[in-house]
N, C-alpha and C. Protein backbone atom coordinates (compact mmCIF):
# COMPACT_ATOMS: atom_id res chain seq x y z
N MET A 1 -8.38 -31.91 -9.10
CA MET A 1 -9.76 -32.07 -9.50
C MET A 1 -10.60 -31.01 -8.81
N THR A 2 -11.44 -30.34 -9.54
CA THR A 2 -12.33 -29.32 -8.99
C THR A 2 -13.56 -29.99 -8.40
N PRO A 3 -13.95 -29.63 -7.14
CA PRO A 3 -15.13 -30.26 -6.56
C PRO A 3 -16.38 -29.83 -7.31
N ASP A 4 -17.32 -30.76 -7.46
CA ASP A 4 -18.59 -30.46 -8.10
C ASP A 4 -19.56 -30.00 -7.02
N LEU A 5 -19.74 -28.69 -6.92
CA LEU A 5 -20.57 -28.11 -5.87
C LEU A 5 -22.05 -28.29 -6.13
N THR A 6 -22.42 -28.74 -7.33
CA THR A 6 -23.83 -28.93 -7.65
C THR A 6 -24.30 -30.34 -7.34
N SER A 7 -23.41 -31.25 -7.02
CA SER A 7 -23.76 -32.65 -6.81
C SER A 7 -24.32 -32.94 -5.43
N GLY A 8 -24.30 -31.95 -4.55
CA GLY A 8 -24.78 -32.19 -3.19
C GLY A 8 -23.73 -32.83 -2.31
N GLY A 9 -22.51 -32.97 -2.82
CA GLY A 9 -21.42 -33.54 -2.05
C GLY A 9 -20.96 -32.57 -0.97
N PRO A 10 -19.93 -32.97 -0.22
CA PRO A 10 -19.45 -32.09 0.85
C PRO A 10 -18.92 -30.77 0.31
N ALA A 11 -19.14 -29.72 1.07
CA ALA A 11 -18.64 -28.40 0.70
C ALA A 11 -17.13 -28.35 0.90
N PRO A 12 -16.44 -27.49 0.16
CA PRO A 12 -14.99 -27.34 0.37
C PRO A 12 -14.71 -26.98 1.83
N LEU A 13 -13.60 -27.42 2.34
CA LEU A 13 -13.28 -27.23 3.74
C LEU A 13 -12.31 -26.09 4.01
N HIS A 14 -12.01 -25.29 3.01
CA HIS A 14 -11.10 -24.16 3.19
C HIS A 14 -11.88 -22.88 3.43
N SER A 15 -11.29 -22.00 4.23
CA SER A 15 -11.81 -20.64 4.35
C SER A 15 -10.74 -19.72 3.76
N VAL A 16 -11.17 -18.51 3.41
CA VAL A 16 -10.26 -17.54 2.82
C VAL A 16 -10.08 -16.40 3.80
N SER A 17 -8.83 -16.08 4.10
CA SER A 17 -8.54 -14.93 4.93
C SER A 17 -7.73 -13.93 4.11
N VAL A 18 -7.75 -12.70 4.57
CA VAL A 18 -7.02 -11.62 3.91
C VAL A 18 -6.22 -10.88 4.97
N ALA A 19 -5.10 -10.33 4.56
CA ALA A 19 -4.27 -9.55 5.49
C ALA A 19 -3.52 -8.50 4.70
N GLY A 20 -3.08 -7.47 5.41
CA GLY A 20 -2.31 -6.42 4.78
C GLY A 20 -1.03 -6.15 5.52
N VAL A 21 0.05 -6.05 4.76
CA VAL A 21 1.32 -5.58 5.30
C VAL A 21 1.38 -4.11 4.94
N VAL A 22 1.07 -3.28 5.93
CA VAL A 22 0.99 -1.83 5.72
C VAL A 22 2.38 -1.26 5.94
N VAL A 23 2.92 -0.59 4.91
CA VAL A 23 4.29 -0.10 4.96
C VAL A 23 4.27 1.43 4.90
N ARG A 24 4.84 2.05 5.94
CA ARG A 24 4.96 3.51 5.95
C ARG A 24 6.12 3.95 5.06
N GLU A 25 6.20 5.26 4.80
CA GLU A 25 7.29 5.81 3.98
C GLU A 25 8.66 5.53 4.59
N ASP A 26 8.73 5.44 5.93
CA ASP A 26 10.01 5.17 6.58
C ASP A 26 10.36 3.67 6.61
N GLY A 27 9.51 2.83 5.99
CA GLY A 27 9.79 1.41 5.90
C GLY A 27 9.25 0.57 7.04
N ARG A 28 8.69 1.22 8.07
CA ARG A 28 8.11 0.45 9.18
C ARG A 28 6.79 -0.18 8.76
N VAL A 29 6.50 -1.35 9.36
CA VAL A 29 5.29 -2.10 9.03
C VAL A 29 4.36 -2.16 10.23
N LEU A 30 3.06 -2.17 9.94
CA LEU A 30 2.03 -2.18 10.97
C LEU A 30 1.72 -3.61 11.39
N VAL A 31 1.77 -3.88 12.69
CA VAL A 31 1.45 -5.20 13.22
C VAL A 31 0.58 -5.05 14.45
N ILE A 32 -0.14 -6.12 14.77
CA ILE A 32 -0.96 -6.14 15.98
C ILE A 32 -0.55 -7.32 16.85
N ARG A 33 -0.81 -7.19 18.15
CA ARG A 33 -0.71 -8.34 19.05
C ARG A 33 -2.14 -8.80 19.27
N ARG A 34 -2.44 -10.02 18.85
CA ARG A 34 -3.80 -10.54 18.89
C ARG A 34 -4.29 -10.76 20.31
N THR A 35 -5.55 -10.46 20.53
CA THR A 35 -6.18 -10.66 21.83
C THR A 35 -6.30 -12.15 22.17
N ASP A 36 -6.64 -12.98 21.19
CA ASP A 36 -6.93 -14.38 21.47
C ASP A 36 -5.72 -15.24 21.80
N ASN A 37 -4.55 -14.93 21.22
CA ASN A 37 -3.39 -15.79 21.47
C ASN A 37 -2.10 -15.04 21.81
N GLY A 38 -2.15 -13.71 21.82
CA GLY A 38 -0.98 -12.92 22.17
C GLY A 38 0.09 -12.84 21.11
N ALA A 39 -0.16 -13.43 19.94
CA ALA A 39 0.84 -13.44 18.86
C ALA A 39 0.82 -12.12 18.09
N TRP A 40 1.99 -11.73 17.57
CA TRP A 40 2.12 -10.56 16.72
C TRP A 40 1.93 -10.99 15.27
N GLU A 41 1.09 -10.25 14.54
CA GLU A 41 0.78 -10.58 13.15
C GLU A 41 0.44 -9.31 12.38
N PRO A 42 0.53 -9.36 11.05
CA PRO A 42 -0.06 -8.28 10.26
C PRO A 42 -1.58 -8.33 10.46
N PRO A 43 -2.27 -7.21 10.43
CA PRO A 43 -3.73 -7.23 10.61
C PRO A 43 -4.43 -7.95 9.46
N GLY A 44 -5.47 -8.69 9.81
CA GLY A 44 -6.24 -9.41 8.80
C GLY A 44 -7.25 -10.32 9.44
N GLY A 45 -8.02 -11.00 8.62
CA GLY A 45 -9.03 -11.92 9.11
C GLY A 45 -9.78 -12.57 7.97
N VAL A 46 -10.86 -13.24 8.33
CA VAL A 46 -11.65 -14.01 7.38
C VAL A 46 -12.46 -13.10 6.47
N LEU A 47 -12.44 -13.41 5.20
CA LEU A 47 -13.23 -12.70 4.21
C LEU A 47 -14.70 -13.05 4.43
N GLU A 48 -15.56 -12.05 4.46
CA GLU A 48 -16.99 -12.28 4.67
C GLU A 48 -17.65 -12.72 3.36
N PRO A 49 -18.74 -13.49 3.45
CA PRO A 49 -19.44 -13.91 2.23
C PRO A 49 -19.85 -12.69 1.40
N ALA A 50 -19.70 -12.77 0.11
CA ALA A 50 -20.07 -11.72 -0.85
C ALA A 50 -19.25 -10.44 -0.71
N GLU A 51 -18.15 -10.50 0.04
CA GLU A 51 -17.28 -9.32 0.20
C GLU A 51 -16.16 -9.36 -0.83
N ALA A 52 -15.90 -8.25 -1.49
CA ALA A 52 -14.77 -8.16 -2.41
C ALA A 52 -13.48 -8.30 -1.62
N ILE A 53 -12.50 -8.95 -2.20
CA ILE A 53 -11.23 -9.18 -1.52
C ILE A 53 -10.62 -7.88 -1.03
N GLU A 54 -10.53 -6.88 -1.91
CA GLU A 54 -9.92 -5.60 -1.54
C GLU A 54 -10.67 -4.94 -0.39
N ASP A 55 -12.00 -5.02 -0.42
CA ASP A 55 -12.81 -4.44 0.66
C ASP A 55 -12.55 -5.15 1.98
N GLY A 56 -12.37 -6.47 1.92
CA GLY A 56 -12.08 -7.24 3.12
C GLY A 56 -10.76 -6.85 3.74
N VAL A 57 -9.74 -6.64 2.91
CA VAL A 57 -8.43 -6.21 3.42
C VAL A 57 -8.57 -4.87 4.13
N ARG A 58 -9.19 -3.91 3.45
CA ARG A 58 -9.36 -2.57 4.05
C ARG A 58 -10.16 -2.65 5.36
N ARG A 59 -11.24 -3.42 5.36
CA ARG A 59 -12.09 -3.54 6.56
C ARG A 59 -11.32 -4.14 7.73
N GLU A 60 -10.63 -5.25 7.48
CA GLU A 60 -9.91 -5.92 8.57
C GLU A 60 -8.83 -5.01 9.16
N ILE A 61 -8.07 -4.34 8.32
CA ILE A 61 -7.01 -3.46 8.83
C ILE A 61 -7.61 -2.32 9.65
N PHE A 62 -8.67 -1.70 9.13
CA PHE A 62 -9.28 -0.60 9.85
C PHE A 62 -9.89 -1.07 11.18
N GLU A 63 -10.61 -2.20 11.16
CA GLU A 63 -11.23 -2.71 12.38
C GLU A 63 -10.19 -2.99 13.47
N GLU A 64 -9.05 -3.56 13.09
CA GLU A 64 -8.06 -3.99 14.07
C GLU A 64 -7.09 -2.91 14.48
N THR A 65 -6.92 -1.85 13.65
CA THR A 65 -5.87 -0.87 13.93
C THR A 65 -6.31 0.59 13.89
N GLY A 66 -7.42 0.90 13.22
CA GLY A 66 -7.84 2.28 13.03
C GLY A 66 -7.17 2.97 11.85
N ILE A 67 -6.36 2.23 11.09
CA ILE A 67 -5.64 2.80 9.95
C ILE A 67 -6.40 2.48 8.65
N GLU A 68 -6.61 3.52 7.83
CA GLU A 68 -7.19 3.36 6.51
C GLU A 68 -6.06 3.15 5.52
N VAL A 69 -6.27 2.22 4.57
CA VAL A 69 -5.18 1.88 3.64
C VAL A 69 -5.63 1.87 2.20
N GLY A 70 -4.62 1.98 1.34
CA GLY A 70 -4.77 1.71 -0.08
C GLY A 70 -3.97 0.47 -0.39
N LEU A 71 -4.49 -0.39 -1.24
CA LEU A 71 -3.79 -1.62 -1.62
C LEU A 71 -2.85 -1.35 -2.78
N GLU A 72 -1.66 -1.92 -2.69
CA GLU A 72 -0.68 -1.78 -3.76
C GLU A 72 -0.61 -3.01 -4.64
N ARG A 73 -0.45 -4.20 -4.01
CA ARG A 73 -0.34 -5.43 -4.82
C ARG A 73 -0.46 -6.65 -3.93
N LEU A 74 -0.87 -7.75 -4.54
CA LEU A 74 -0.87 -9.05 -3.88
C LEU A 74 0.58 -9.51 -3.76
N THR A 75 0.99 -9.86 -2.53
CA THR A 75 2.39 -10.26 -2.33
C THR A 75 2.55 -11.73 -1.95
N GLY A 76 1.44 -12.40 -1.61
CA GLY A 76 1.58 -13.81 -1.25
C GLY A 76 0.26 -14.51 -1.07
N VAL A 77 0.30 -15.82 -1.32
CA VAL A 77 -0.82 -16.72 -1.08
C VAL A 77 -0.27 -17.82 -0.18
N TYR A 78 -0.90 -18.01 0.97
CA TYR A 78 -0.38 -18.91 2.00
C TYR A 78 -1.46 -19.91 2.39
N THR A 79 -1.14 -21.18 2.33
CA THR A 79 -2.08 -22.22 2.73
C THR A 79 -1.64 -22.80 4.06
N ASN A 80 -2.54 -22.73 5.04
CA ASN A 80 -2.32 -23.36 6.34
C ASN A 80 -3.02 -24.71 6.28
N THR A 81 -2.24 -25.77 6.11
CA THR A 81 -2.83 -27.09 5.92
C THR A 81 -3.47 -27.66 7.19
N SER A 82 -3.05 -27.21 8.36
CA SER A 82 -3.63 -27.74 9.59
C SER A 82 -4.99 -27.12 9.90
N ARG A 83 -5.27 -25.93 9.38
CA ARG A 83 -6.54 -25.26 9.66
C ARG A 83 -7.43 -25.10 8.44
N GLY A 84 -6.91 -25.44 7.26
CA GLY A 84 -7.70 -25.31 6.05
C GLY A 84 -7.98 -23.86 5.69
N VAL A 85 -6.97 -23.01 5.84
CA VAL A 85 -7.12 -21.59 5.55
C VAL A 85 -6.19 -21.21 4.40
N VAL A 86 -6.74 -20.49 3.45
CA VAL A 86 -5.93 -19.89 2.38
C VAL A 86 -5.93 -18.40 2.65
N ALA A 87 -4.74 -17.83 2.83
CA ALA A 87 -4.60 -16.41 3.15
C ALA A 87 -4.02 -15.67 1.95
N LEU A 88 -4.68 -14.56 1.61
CA LEU A 88 -4.20 -13.66 0.56
C LEU A 88 -3.63 -12.43 1.25
N VAL A 89 -2.37 -12.13 1.00
CA VAL A 89 -1.70 -11.03 1.70
C VAL A 89 -1.32 -9.95 0.68
N PHE A 90 -1.63 -8.71 1.03
CA PHE A 90 -1.40 -7.57 0.16
C PHE A 90 -0.45 -6.58 0.82
N ARG A 91 0.40 -5.97 0.02
CA ARG A 91 1.18 -4.82 0.48
C ARG A 91 0.25 -3.61 0.38
N CYS A 92 0.23 -2.82 1.46
CA CYS A 92 -0.66 -1.66 1.53
C CYS A 92 0.13 -0.43 1.97
N ARG A 93 -0.47 0.72 1.77
CA ARG A 93 0.11 1.98 2.24
C ARG A 93 -0.93 2.67 3.12
N PRO A 94 -0.49 3.31 4.19
CA PRO A 94 -1.44 4.03 5.05
C PRO A 94 -1.97 5.27 4.33
N GLU A 95 -3.28 5.52 4.47
CA GLU A 95 -3.88 6.68 3.81
C GLU A 95 -4.67 7.55 4.78
N GLY A 96 -4.76 7.16 6.03
CA GLY A 96 -5.51 7.97 6.99
C GLY A 96 -5.77 7.19 8.26
N GLY A 97 -6.55 7.82 9.14
CA GLY A 97 -6.87 7.19 10.41
C GLY A 97 -5.76 7.38 11.43
N SER A 98 -5.97 6.83 12.60
CA SER A 98 -4.95 6.87 13.64
C SER A 98 -4.99 5.56 14.40
N VAL A 99 -3.82 5.15 14.87
CA VAL A 99 -3.69 3.87 15.54
C VAL A 99 -4.55 3.82 16.79
N ARG A 100 -5.28 2.72 16.93
CA ARG A 100 -6.10 2.47 18.12
C ARG A 100 -6.20 0.96 18.32
N LEU A 101 -6.55 0.58 19.52
CA LEU A 101 -6.76 -0.84 19.83
C LEU A 101 -8.18 -1.22 19.46
N SER A 102 -8.43 -2.54 19.39
CA SER A 102 -9.76 -3.05 19.11
C SER A 102 -9.99 -4.28 19.98
N ASP A 103 -11.15 -4.89 19.82
CA ASP A 103 -11.44 -6.13 20.54
C ASP A 103 -10.49 -7.25 20.12
N GLU A 104 -9.88 -7.11 18.94
CA GLU A 104 -9.00 -8.15 18.41
C GLU A 104 -7.52 -7.87 18.63
N SER A 105 -7.19 -6.68 19.14
CA SER A 105 -5.77 -6.33 19.31
C SER A 105 -5.52 -5.73 20.69
N THR A 106 -4.47 -6.25 21.34
CA THR A 106 -4.05 -5.69 22.63
C THR A 106 -2.91 -4.70 22.48
N ALA A 107 -2.31 -4.67 21.28
CA ALA A 107 -1.25 -3.71 20.97
C ALA A 107 -1.20 -3.54 19.45
N VAL A 108 -0.88 -2.34 19.03
CA VAL A 108 -0.67 -2.02 17.62
C VAL A 108 0.65 -1.27 17.55
N ASP A 109 1.53 -1.67 16.64
CA ASP A 109 2.85 -1.04 16.59
C ASP A 109 3.36 -0.98 15.16
N TRP A 110 4.24 -0.02 14.92
CA TRP A 110 4.96 0.10 13.66
C TRP A 110 6.37 -0.41 13.91
N LEU A 111 6.75 -1.52 13.27
CA LEU A 111 8.05 -2.14 13.49
C LEU A 111 8.95 -2.00 12.27
N THR A 112 10.25 -2.00 12.51
CA THR A 112 11.19 -2.10 11.40
C THR A 112 11.08 -3.53 10.86
N PRO A 113 11.54 -3.77 9.64
CA PRO A 113 11.53 -5.14 9.13
C PRO A 113 12.29 -6.12 10.03
N ALA A 114 13.42 -5.68 10.59
CA ALA A 114 14.19 -6.56 11.48
C ALA A 114 13.41 -6.87 12.75
N GLU A 115 12.75 -5.87 13.32
CA GLU A 115 11.93 -6.09 14.52
C GLU A 115 10.77 -7.04 14.21
N ALA A 116 10.16 -6.88 13.04
CA ALA A 116 9.05 -7.76 12.66
C ALA A 116 9.55 -9.19 12.50
N ALA A 117 10.69 -9.37 11.84
CA ALA A 117 11.24 -10.71 11.66
C ALA A 117 11.54 -11.37 12.99
N ASP A 118 11.92 -10.58 13.99
CA ASP A 118 12.25 -11.10 15.31
C ASP A 118 11.01 -11.37 16.16
N ARG A 119 10.01 -10.51 16.09
CA ARG A 119 8.85 -10.58 16.98
C ARG A 119 7.76 -11.52 16.47
N LEU A 120 7.58 -11.63 15.15
CA LEU A 120 6.53 -12.46 14.59
C LEU A 120 7.00 -13.89 14.45
N THR A 121 6.06 -14.83 14.53
CA THR A 121 6.42 -16.23 14.29
C THR A 121 6.81 -16.40 12.82
N GLU A 122 7.46 -17.50 12.52
CA GLU A 122 7.97 -17.76 11.18
C GLU A 122 6.92 -17.56 10.08
N VAL A 123 5.71 -18.10 10.29
CA VAL A 123 4.71 -18.05 9.22
C VAL A 123 4.16 -16.65 8.98
N TYR A 124 4.26 -15.76 9.97
CA TYR A 124 3.82 -14.38 9.77
C TYR A 124 4.98 -13.47 9.39
N ALA A 125 6.16 -13.74 9.90
CA ALA A 125 7.33 -12.96 9.51
C ALA A 125 7.59 -13.10 8.02
N VAL A 126 7.42 -14.30 7.46
CA VAL A 126 7.67 -14.49 6.03
C VAL A 126 6.68 -13.69 5.19
N ARG A 127 5.46 -13.50 5.69
CA ARG A 127 4.48 -12.70 4.96
C ARG A 127 4.93 -11.24 4.88
N VAL A 128 5.49 -10.74 5.97
CA VAL A 128 6.01 -9.37 5.97
C VAL A 128 7.21 -9.27 5.03
N LEU A 129 8.13 -10.20 5.13
CA LEU A 129 9.32 -10.16 4.29
C LEU A 129 8.97 -10.32 2.81
N ASP A 130 8.00 -11.18 2.50
CA ASP A 130 7.56 -11.33 1.11
C ASP A 130 6.97 -10.02 0.59
N ALA A 131 6.22 -9.31 1.43
CA ALA A 131 5.61 -8.05 1.02
C ALA A 131 6.65 -6.96 0.81
N LEU A 132 7.78 -7.05 1.49
CA LEU A 132 8.81 -6.03 1.38
C LEU A 132 9.76 -6.26 0.21
N ARG A 133 9.83 -7.49 -0.27
CA ARG A 133 10.75 -7.77 -1.38
C ARG A 133 10.14 -7.29 -2.68
N GLY A 134 11.00 -6.96 -3.61
CA GLY A 134 10.53 -6.55 -4.93
C GLY A 134 10.09 -7.76 -5.72
N GLY A 135 9.62 -7.52 -6.90
CA GLY A 135 9.20 -8.62 -7.76
C GLY A 135 7.73 -8.56 -8.05
N ALA A 136 7.38 -8.98 -9.22
CA ALA A 136 5.99 -8.89 -9.66
C ALA A 136 5.16 -10.09 -9.21
N ALA A 137 5.78 -11.24 -9.08
CA ALA A 137 5.02 -12.45 -8.77
C ALA A 137 4.84 -12.60 -7.27
N PRO A 138 3.62 -12.90 -6.82
CA PRO A 138 3.41 -13.15 -5.40
C PRO A 138 4.05 -14.48 -4.97
N ALA A 139 4.46 -14.55 -3.73
CA ALA A 139 4.97 -15.80 -3.17
C ALA A 139 3.79 -16.76 -2.98
N VAL A 140 4.04 -18.04 -3.14
CA VAL A 140 3.04 -19.07 -2.87
C VAL A 140 3.70 -20.04 -1.91
N ARG A 141 3.13 -20.12 -0.69
CA ARG A 141 3.78 -20.92 0.35
C ARG A 141 2.75 -21.78 1.09
N THR A 142 3.23 -22.90 1.61
CA THR A 142 2.41 -23.80 2.41
C THR A 142 3.00 -23.88 3.81
N THR A 143 2.12 -23.85 4.81
CA THR A 143 2.56 -23.96 6.20
C THR A 143 1.72 -24.99 6.93
N ASP A 144 2.20 -25.39 8.09
CA ASP A 144 1.40 -26.24 8.97
C ASP A 144 0.79 -25.40 10.08
N GLY A 145 0.84 -24.08 9.94
CA GLY A 145 0.33 -23.17 10.96
C GLY A 145 1.41 -22.60 11.84
N ARG A 146 2.54 -23.28 11.91
CA ARG A 146 3.66 -22.82 12.73
C ARG A 146 4.93 -22.65 11.93
N HIS A 147 5.14 -23.53 10.95
CA HIS A 147 6.37 -23.51 10.17
C HIS A 147 6.06 -23.66 8.70
N LEU A 148 6.97 -23.12 7.88
CA LEU A 148 6.85 -23.30 6.44
C LEU A 148 7.08 -24.77 6.10
N SER A 149 6.36 -25.25 5.13
CA SER A 149 6.52 -26.64 4.68
C SER A 149 7.37 -26.65 3.41
N GLY A 150 8.21 -27.61 3.32
CA GLY A 150 9.01 -27.79 2.11
C GLY A 150 10.02 -26.82 1.89
């Protein structure tokens, strides 16, 4: 059932985040170690009000890593049921800039797919692996924030 936003009822409780799995020509992927929790993840964050999805992906990646990207395709939609976040993840290619740290990252690195699968938690490693697999349809997955559900 679609919520009736005109009725004055409660607002939807989900936020939308965007992230990019940036893949170099040599197959390595760009990841950050987050300042707030020390976890390794693809760069991304919350979409700002009135911001186009593609612009949000580019902004978040550049803010967190210093890398400018072009978007290739949507590779996954991930719902974190414990936090009420819907994440849209895109495969991207680097187009400029240079790696740097930010207030949100204590490390930025280019990892092989195997290194990413080992270093990232399950819910973020699957986003990288989904972005690297072929296929036209994006993955649709549900998590509890730590593990895949179902």
